[in-house]
Amino acid sequence: MPEYSFFVGGNVVLPDRVIANGCVLVKDDRIEEVAERPRAFVPPNAKVIDAKGCYISPGFVDIHVHGGAGSDFSDATSEDFRNVTRFHAGGGVTSVAATTASMPREQILKALDVIAEAKNSPLEGSRVLGAHLEGPYLLSEKRGCHLESEVRHPRPEEYEQFLARAEDILSVTCAPELPGAEAMIRAFAEEGIVISAGHSNASYFLMREAIEWGVTHTTHLYCAMSDFVTFSKPFVKRQGGMVEAIFLNDRLTTEVISDGIHLSADMLAMPYRIKGPEKVAIVSDAMRGAGMPDGEYTFGPRNGQRAIVKDRESRVITGEWLASSTFRLNEMVRVYRELVGAPLHEVVRMASLTPATIIRQADRIGSLEKGKLADIILFDDNLEIQGVFVGGREFVTGQA
């Protein structure tokens, strides 16, 4: 017999508007109906969820998240995966792209093993959709908090081993100017993997070429990427970099870390104004120090780059670069809304339907539509999470 859940009394957040006092009917793990007013008939066995005083929203989709609660996806154990996904589910994230750091081939393959296992295991927090490999094919000069010893040029003898696991990989970040990058990008794109340019010094003109190879997305706008300043030299014609390519090319999507630490209000507003909420995703880029006390942690695996977390800011041990973030996605959405002043439904879209579309999962997640998975969150006016339902199953946020 089907199991029904009926969300009622809250404001329903859709991609293009908010329905006041709307309702959502869920059948088993799927959305059955979204309505502007309570139904005259509700199945007698339906569990009624009173959302009064809350927004009924699609669950957030974090396509760039490394860790939290002391664990990282790069640790490549089931226990660490549970820690991370439970922590982020408490922040309204119902689906993640488990993001790995630049590290040895064997560790990446081990992480892919655990990702494959997590994709097919009972949910204990956020749903693991697949991997986002952030590296190891990054420009050393733009490596940020990735270990210098672990960034390298793409070579077929290595990346073909990753390519053999294509069903477990959603996206790959790489620097398109590296020797061998074009062949790698074409090979991964042919398998349907999203190619994101990042940690790169690519020029505007190289980015135009890279789009033809298969690049469709760009990793953490402004951070570890080139702009016109990179190429501005006395008595030389100035040219654009990645930032300008992103703003000028409609074929590219991008993402922002909106913790209020990485980027100022004007830098967050610019991509919203130029590209719109349909092509800019909000990501957490959270590391293992998220949700933890101030102290020393590592970015990526436990033997990765050392970083200091203090007052919600994470920096490499030398202090020269930020090392990911310590915010969950509900906090990122709140900060973005406050700094940019965008309508709530558009900011929620940037953390749900837009990222789902970028990683080609929008047919099943990312918005409250009939037939999609019942990934639903309830939050108040301050974006504090009051309820999380992953595939219709309630996650008790107090467990996080």
Protein backbone atom coordinates (compact mmCIF):
# COMPACT_ATOMS: atom_id res chain seq x y z
CA MET A 1 0.00 0.00 0.00
CA PRO A 2 1.45 3.43 -0.92
CA GLU A 3 2.64 5.70 1.87
CA TYR A 4 1.56 9.32 1.64
CA SER A 5 2.94 12.46 3.31
CA PHE A 6 1.11 15.76 3.11
CA PHE A 7 3.03 19.00 3.70
CA VAL A 8 0.62 21.81 4.45
CA GLY A 9 0.45 25.30 5.92
CA GLY A 10 3.80 26.61 4.68
CA ASN A 11 4.99 28.78 1.81
CA VAL A 12 6.03 26.54 -1.09
CA VAL A 13 9.22 27.59 -2.88
CA LEU A 14 9.11 26.99 -6.63
CA PRO A 15 11.82 27.95 -9.15
CA ASP A 16 9.90 31.03 -10.30
CA ARG A 17 7.83 32.09 -7.26
CA VAL A 18 6.71 31.34 -3.72
CA ILE A 19 3.18 30.02 -3.15
CA ALA A 20 1.73 31.34 0.10
CA ASN A 21 0.02 28.67 2.20
CA GLY A 22 0.61 25.96 -0.41
CA CYS A 23 0.87 22.22 -0.01
CA VAL A 24 2.84 19.26 -1.33
CA LEU A 25 1.62 15.67 -1.49
CA VAL A 26 4.21 12.90 -1.49
CA LYS A 27 3.57 9.29 -2.50
CA ASP A 28 6.29 6.94 -1.27
CA ASP A 29 9.55 8.60 -2.36
CA ARG A 30 8.10 10.84 -5.09
CA ILE A 31 6.25 14.12 -5.29
CA GLU A 32 2.66 13.46 -6.29
CA GLU A 33 1.25 16.97 -6.37
CA VAL A 34 2.09 20.62 -5.62
CA ALA A 35 -0.96 22.80 -5.06
CA GLU A 36 -1.73 26.43 -4.24
CA ARG A 37 -4.30 25.50 -1.61
CA PRO A 38 -4.97 22.43 0.54
CA ARG A 39 -6.68 19.59 -1.30
CA ALA A 40 -10.30 18.81 -0.58
CA PHE A 41 -9.29 15.16 -0.24
CA VAL A 42 -6.17 13.77 1.35
CA PRO A 43 -5.51 10.01 1.38
CA PRO A 44 -6.71 8.72 4.78
CA ASN A 45 -3.34 7.13 5.60
CA ALA A 46 -1.35 10.28 4.81
CA LYS A 47 1.07 11.57 7.41
CA VAL A 48 0.34 15.29 7.77
CA ILE A 49 3.37 17.56 8.22
CA ASP A 50 2.32 20.95 9.53
CA ALA A 51 4.73 23.48 8.00
CA LYS A 52 3.10 26.56 9.50
CA GLY A 53 5.62 29.38 9.84
CA CYS A 54 8.05 27.63 7.48
CA TYR A 55 8.97 27.51 3.85
CA ILE A 56 8.49 24.19 2.06
CA SER A 57 11.48 24.03 -0.24
CA PRO A 58 13.33 21.60 -2.48
CA GLY A 59 16.32 20.14 -0.71
CA PHE A 60 19.63 21.79 -1.45
CA VAL A 61 22.07 20.16 -3.89
CA ASP A 62 25.73 20.74 -3.03
CA ILE A 63 27.89 20.00 -6.06
CA HIS A 64 31.16 21.07 -4.42
CA VAL A 65 31.61 19.83 -0.85
CA HIS A 66 34.62 18.12 0.66
CA GLY A 67 33.69 17.42 4.25
CA GLY A 68 32.48 18.47 7.65
CA ALA A 69 32.14 17.26 11.24
CA GLY A 70 35.82 16.24 11.25
CA SER A 71 35.61 14.02 8.16
CA ASP A 72 36.30 14.39 4.45
CA PHE A 73 35.16 12.41 1.41
CA SER A 74 38.86 12.00 0.60
CA ASP A 75 39.24 9.88 3.75
CA ALA A 76 37.44 7.22 1.71
CA THR A 77 35.73 5.27 4.50
CA SER A 78 32.03 4.54 4.94
CA GLU A 79 32.14 6.04 8.44
CA ASP A 80 33.59 9.32 7.17
CA PHE A 81 31.00 9.45 4.39
CA ARG A 82 28.24 9.02 6.99
CA ASN A 83 29.70 11.82 9.12
CA VAL A 84 29.81 14.23 6.19
CA THR A 85 26.41 13.42 4.72
CA ARG A 86 24.64 13.52 8.10
CA PHE A 87 26.27 16.85 8.93
CA HIS A 88 25.24 18.47 5.66
CA ALA A 89 21.75 17.00 5.74
CA GLY A 90 21.36 19.01 8.93
CA GLY A 91 22.01 22.08 6.78
CA GLY A 92 19.26 21.22 4.31
CA VAL A 93 21.43 19.39 1.77
CA THR A 94 19.62 16.37 0.39
CA SER A 95 22.08 15.49 -2.42
CA VAL A 96 25.84 15.90 -2.75
CA ALA A 97 28.59 15.47 -5.28
CA ALA A 98 31.24 13.95 -3.02
CA THR A 99 34.26 16.13 -3.76
CA THR A 100 37.79 14.78 -3.54
CA ALA A 101 41.06 16.69 -3.39
CA SER A 102 44.30 16.31 -5.35
CA MET A 103 45.92 13.17 -3.97
CA PRO A 104 47.59 9.93 -5.15
CA ARG A 105 45.83 7.83 -7.76
CA GLU A 106 45.22 4.96 -5.32
CA GLN A 107 43.44 7.25 -2.85
CA ILE A 108 41.20 8.66 -5.58
CA LEU A 109 40.30 5.15 -6.73
CA LYS A 110 39.58 4.13 -3.14
CA ALA A 111 37.29 7.15 -2.74
CA LEU A 112 35.47 6.13 -5.93
CA ASP A 113 34.96 2.67 -4.43
CA VAL A 114 33.25 4.18 -1.37
CA ILE A 115 31.22 6.54 -3.56
CA ALA A 116 29.94 3.56 -5.58
CA GLU A 117 29.00 1.84 -2.32
CA ALA A 118 27.33 4.97 -0.91
CA LYS A 119 25.25 5.45 -4.07
CA ASN A 120 23.67 2.05 -3.51
CA SER A 121 23.35 2.06 0.29
CA PRO A 122 20.43 3.07 2.51
CA LEU A 123 20.45 6.81 3.11
CA GLU A 124 21.71 8.09 6.44
CA GLY A 125 21.93 11.72 5.41
CA SER A 126 22.40 13.50 2.11
CA ARG A 127 22.14 11.32 -1.00
CA VAL A 128 25.53 10.71 -2.65
CA LEU A 129 25.01 11.24 -6.38
CA GLY A 130 28.59 10.55 -7.45
CA ALA A 131 32.03 12.11 -7.37
CA HIS A 132 33.36 15.54 -8.15
CA LEU A 133 37.09 15.13 -8.72
CA GLU A 134 38.62 18.50 -7.91
CA GLY A 135 42.04 17.70 -9.23
CA PRO A 136 44.63 16.38 -9.46
CA TYR A 137 44.92 18.09 -12.87
CA LEU A 138 45.33 21.65 -11.61
CA LEU A 139 47.87 24.36 -12.38
CA SER A 140 50.40 24.37 -9.55
CA GLU A 141 50.49 28.17 -9.51
CA LYS A 142 46.72 28.21 -8.90
CA ARG A 143 46.51 25.13 -6.67
CA GLY A 144 45.20 27.08 -3.66
CA CYS A 145 45.00 24.72 -0.69
CA HIS A 146 45.71 21.57 -2.72
CA LEU A 147 49.06 19.97 -1.93
CA GLU A 148 51.71 21.07 -4.41
CA SER A 149 53.12 17.54 -4.49
CA GLU A 150 49.77 16.14 -5.67
CA VAL A 151 48.85 18.42 -8.59
CA ARG A 152 50.06 17.15 -11.96
CA HIS A 153 49.50 17.02 -15.70
CA PRO A 154 46.91 14.59 -17.06
CA ARG A 155 48.39 11.40 -18.46
CA PRO A 156 46.31 8.69 -20.15
CA GLU A 157 47.86 5.89 -18.10
CA GLU A 158 46.35 7.49 -15.00
CA TYR A 159 43.13 9.22 -16.07
CA GLU A 160 41.97 6.20 -18.08
CA GLN A 161 41.72 4.37 -14.74
CA PHE A 162 39.37 7.11 -13.53
CA LEU A 163 37.51 7.03 -16.83
CA ALA A 164 36.85 3.32 -16.30
CA ARG A 165 34.78 4.44 -13.30
CA ALA A 166 32.77 6.98 -15.29
CA GLU A 167 29.45 5.79 -13.86
CA ASP A 168 30.57 7.03 -10.42
CA ILE A 169 31.93 10.42 -11.58
CA LEU A 170 29.65 13.42 -12.05
CA SER A 171 32.23 16.11 -12.69
CA VAL A 172 35.95 16.84 -12.91
CA THR A 173 37.76 20.13 -12.28
CA CYS A 174 40.88 20.66 -14.35
CA ALA A 175 43.08 23.43 -15.74
CA PRO A 176 42.63 23.44 -19.54
CA GLU A 177 46.08 24.90 -20.26
CA LEU A 178 47.95 21.85 -18.93
CA PRO A 179 49.74 19.61 -21.44
CA GLY A 180 47.42 16.72 -22.24
CA ALA A 181 44.31 18.50 -20.95
CA GLU A 182 42.51 18.69 -24.28
CA ALA A 183 42.61 14.93 -24.84
CA MET A 184 41.50 14.26 -21.28
CA ILE A 185 38.64 16.77 -21.45
CA ARG A 186 37.38 15.30 -24.71
CA ALA A 187 37.56 11.75 -23.33
CA PHE A 188 35.66 12.57 -20.12
CA ALA A 189 33.08 14.73 -21.88
CA GLU A 190 32.38 11.90 -24.31
CA GLU A 191 31.38 9.77 -21.31
CA GLY A 192 28.89 12.41 -20.16
CA ILE A 193 31.02 13.70 -17.30
CA VAL A 194 30.73 17.42 -16.59
CA ILE A 195 34.04 19.19 -17.19
CA SER A 196 34.67 22.23 -15.02
CA ALA A 197 37.59 24.58 -15.65
CA GLY A 198 39.25 25.70 -12.45
CA HIS A 199 42.48 26.26 -10.54
CA SER A 200 43.69 27.67 -13.82
CA ASN A 201 45.43 30.61 -15.47
CA ALA A 202 43.65 30.10 -18.79
CA SER A 203 43.15 33.12 -21.02
CA TYR A 204 39.79 34.19 -22.42
CA PHE A 205 40.79 32.80 -25.81
CA LEU A 206 41.87 29.43 -24.41
CA MET A 207 38.58 29.18 -22.54
CA ARG A 208 36.73 29.63 -25.84
CA GLU A 209 38.69 26.69 -27.22
CA ALA A 210 38.11 24.62 -24.07
CA ILE A 211 34.35 25.04 -24.47
CA GLU A 212 34.64 23.34 -27.84
CA TRP A 213 36.57 20.48 -26.22
CA GLY A 214 33.74 19.93 -23.71
CA VAL A 215 34.08 22.38 -20.80
CA THR A 216 30.65 23.51 -19.59
CA HIS A 217 31.20 24.65 -15.99
CA THR A 218 33.72 26.60 -13.92
CA THR A 219 34.84 25.99 -10.34
CA HIS A 220 34.36 28.61 -7.57
CA LEU A 221 34.18 31.86 -9.53
CA TYR A 222 37.03 34.34 -8.87
CA CYS A 223 38.89 31.85 -6.63
CA ALA A 224 42.10 30.36 -8.05
CA MET A 225 41.30 31.58 -11.56
CA SER A 226 42.68 34.16 -13.98
CA ASP A 227 41.16 37.51 -14.89
CA PHE A 228 42.29 40.47 -17.00
CA VAL A 229 44.71 41.59 -14.26
CA THR A 230 46.64 38.35 -14.73
CA PHE A 231 47.41 39.33 -18.31
CA SER A 232 47.79 43.09 -17.87
CA LYS A 233 51.36 44.18 -18.47
CA PRO A 234 52.79 47.59 -19.37
CA PHE A 235 52.65 48.41 -23.10
CA VAL A 236 50.88 45.12 -23.90
CA LYS A 237 47.30 44.83 -25.10
CA ARG A 238 45.27 43.60 -22.15
CA GLN A 239 43.25 40.42 -22.54
CA GLY A 240 40.64 38.66 -20.47
CA GLY A 241 41.00 35.55 -18.42
CA MET A 242 38.59 32.95 -17.06
CA VAL A 243 36.42 35.47 -15.23
CA GLU A 244 35.72 37.41 -18.42
CA ALA A 245 35.08 34.18 -20.34
CA ILE A 246 32.48 33.16 -17.76
CA PHE A 247 30.68 36.49 -17.92
CA LEU A 248 30.69 36.66 -21.71
CA ASN A 249 29.86 33.07 -22.67
CA ASP A 250 26.33 31.80 -22.17
CA ARG A 251 27.50 28.20 -22.59
CA LEU A 252 29.37 28.34 -19.28
CA THR A 253 27.83 27.92 -15.84
CA THR A 254 29.65 28.78 -12.64
CA GLU A 255 29.45 28.55 -8.86
CA VAL A 256 30.07 30.87 -5.90
CA ILE A 257 31.09 30.35 -2.29
CA SER A 258 28.79 32.80 -0.51
CA ASP A 259 30.06 32.65 3.06
CA GLY A 260 30.82 36.38 3.10
CA ILE A 261 34.51 35.52 3.57
CA HIS A 262 35.59 34.40 0.11
CA LEU A 263 33.71 37.10 -1.82
CA SER A 264 32.31 40.56 -1.14
CA ALA A 265 28.71 41.56 -1.83
CA ASP A 266 29.55 43.22 -5.16
CA MET A 267 31.45 40.14 -6.39
CA LEU A 268 28.49 37.94 -5.50
CA ALA A 269 26.01 40.30 -7.17
CA MET A 270 27.91 40.57 -10.46
CA PRO A 271 27.39 36.98 -11.73
CA TYR A 272 23.77 37.09 -10.57
CA ARG A 273 23.16 40.23 -12.61
CA ILE A 274 25.13 39.09 -15.67
CA LYS A 275 24.30 35.36 -15.91
CA GLY A 276 21.16 35.04 -13.81
CA PRO A 277 20.19 32.47 -11.15
CA GLU A 278 19.80 29.76 -13.80
CA LYS A 279 23.55 29.66 -14.46
CA VAL A 280 25.10 30.42 -11.08
CA ALA A 281 25.11 27.78 -8.34
CA ILE A 282 25.77 28.33 -4.66
CA VAL A 283 28.20 25.76 -3.23
CA SER A 284 29.60 25.24 0.25
CA ASP A 285 33.10 23.98 -0.64
CA ALA A 286 33.06 22.92 3.02
CA MET A 287 36.06 21.13 4.52
CA ARG A 288 36.39 18.83 7.52
CA GLY A 289 36.62 21.76 9.96
CA ALA A 290 33.01 22.73 9.24
CA GLY A 291 30.93 22.24 12.38
CA MET A 292 34.07 21.78 14.48
CA PRO A 293 35.77 23.98 17.11
CA ASP A 294 38.57 26.36 16.13
CA GLY A 295 41.81 24.46 15.59
CA GLU A 296 44.05 22.75 13.05
CA TYR A 297 42.54 20.46 10.41
CA THR A 298 43.57 19.18 7.00
CA PHE A 299 42.05 19.93 3.63
CA GLY A 300 41.41 16.76 1.66
CA PRO A 301 42.74 13.51 3.17
CA ARG A 302 44.03 13.30 6.73
CA ASN A 303 47.58 13.69 5.44
CA GLY A 304 46.54 16.64 3.26
CA GLN A 305 47.19 20.36 3.45
CA ARG A 306 47.24 21.64 7.04
CA ALA A 307 44.83 24.46 7.74
CA ILE A 308 43.80 26.60 10.69
CA VAL A 309 40.13 27.27 11.39
CA LYS A 310 39.46 30.38 13.44
CA ASP A 311 36.18 32.30 13.73
CA ARG A 312 34.63 30.30 10.85
CA GLU A 313 37.54 31.12 8.51
CA SER A 314 39.84 28.36 7.25
CA ARG A 315 43.35 29.19 6.00
CA VAL A 316 46.39 27.14 5.07
CA ILE A 317 48.90 26.91 7.88
CA THR A 318 51.03 29.70 6.38
CA GLY A 319 48.01 31.99 6.18
CA GLU A 320 48.41 32.92 2.49
CA TRP A 321 45.28 31.20 1.10
CA LEU A 322 41.82 30.33 2.23
CA ALA A 323 41.31 26.59 2.61
CA SER A 324 37.72 25.89 1.61
CA SER A 325 34.90 27.01 3.91
CA THR A 326 33.24 26.00 7.18
CA PHE A 327 29.66 26.93 6.23
CA ARG A 328 26.78 24.65 5.31
CA LEU A 329 24.56 25.45 2.37
CA ASN A 330 21.64 26.91 4.35
CA GLU A 331 24.08 29.46 5.76
CA MET A 332 25.44 30.20 2.28
CA VAL A 333 21.89 30.81 1.03
CA ARG A 334 21.15 33.12 3.95
CA VAL A 335 24.34 35.14 3.45
CA TYR A 336 23.76 35.38 -0.30
CA ARG A 337 20.23 36.64 0.19
CA GLU A 338 21.39 39.22 2.73
CA LEU A 339 24.34 40.51 0.69
CA VAL A 340 22.78 40.49 -2.78
CA GLY A 341 19.14 41.11 -1.95
CA ALA A 342 17.87 38.60 -4.49
CA PRO A 343 14.35 37.15 -4.10
CA LEU A 344 14.21 34.04 -1.94
CA HIS A 345 12.96 31.76 -4.70
CA GLU A 346 15.90 32.71 -6.94
CA VAL A 347 18.49 32.15 -4.20
CA VAL A 348 16.94 28.78 -3.34
CA ARG A 349 17.02 27.91 -7.03
CA MET A 350 20.77 28.66 -7.05
CA ALA A 351 21.21 26.03 -4.33
CA SER A 352 18.82 23.42 -5.73
CA LEU A 353 17.60 23.37 -9.34
CA THR A 354 20.60 25.20 -10.82
CA PRO A 355 23.26 22.86 -9.37
CA ALA A 356 21.07 19.85 -10.22
CA THR A 357 20.89 21.11 -13.81
CA ILE A 358 24.65 21.70 -13.98
CA ILE A 359 25.39 18.07 -13.08
CA ARG A 360 22.53 16.82 -15.30
CA GLN A 361 20.34 15.51 -12.49
CA ALA A 362 17.44 17.94 -12.82
CA ASP A 363 15.12 15.28 -14.19
CA ARG A 364 14.88 13.77 -10.69
CA ILE A 365 15.96 16.35 -8.09
CA GLY A 366 16.27 20.09 -7.55
CA SER A 367 12.66 21.33 -7.54
CA LEU A 368 9.22 20.48 -6.20
CA GLU A 369 7.64 18.94 -9.29
CA LYS A 370 5.40 15.92 -9.80
CA GLY A 371 7.43 12.77 -10.36
CA LYS A 372 10.67 14.05 -8.85
CA LEU A 373 12.22 12.56 -5.72
CA ALA A 374 10.61 13.93 -2.56
CA ASP A 375 13.68 15.80 -1.34
CA ILE A 376 12.00 18.45 0.80
CA ILE A 377 13.27 20.78 3.50
CA LEU A 378 11.49 23.13 5.87
CA PHE A 379 13.18 26.32 6.98
CA ASP A 380 12.20 29.51 8.78
CA ASP A 381 12.70 33.14 7.79
CA ASN A 382 16.32 32.97 8.96
CA LEU A 383 17.06 29.85 6.86
CA GLU A 384 17.31 27.72 9.99
CA ILE A 385 16.41 24.16 9.04
CA GLN A 386 13.27 22.82 10.72
CA GLY A 387 12.86 19.58 8.81
CA VAL A 388 14.65 17.46 6.19
CA PHE A 389 13.08 14.72 4.06
CA VAL A 390 15.29 12.76 1.65
CA GLY A 391 13.23 10.73 -0.80
CA GLY A 392 10.25 11.22 1.47
CA ARG A 393 12.10 9.81 4.49
CA GLU A 394 12.52 12.17 7.41
CA PHE A 395 16.01 12.91 8.61
CA VAL A 396 16.13 13.99 12.24
CA THR A 397 18.25 17.13 12.13
CA GLY A 398 19.15 16.81 15.78
CA GLN A 399 21.22 13.75 14.87
CA ALA A 400 23.69 15.88 12.90
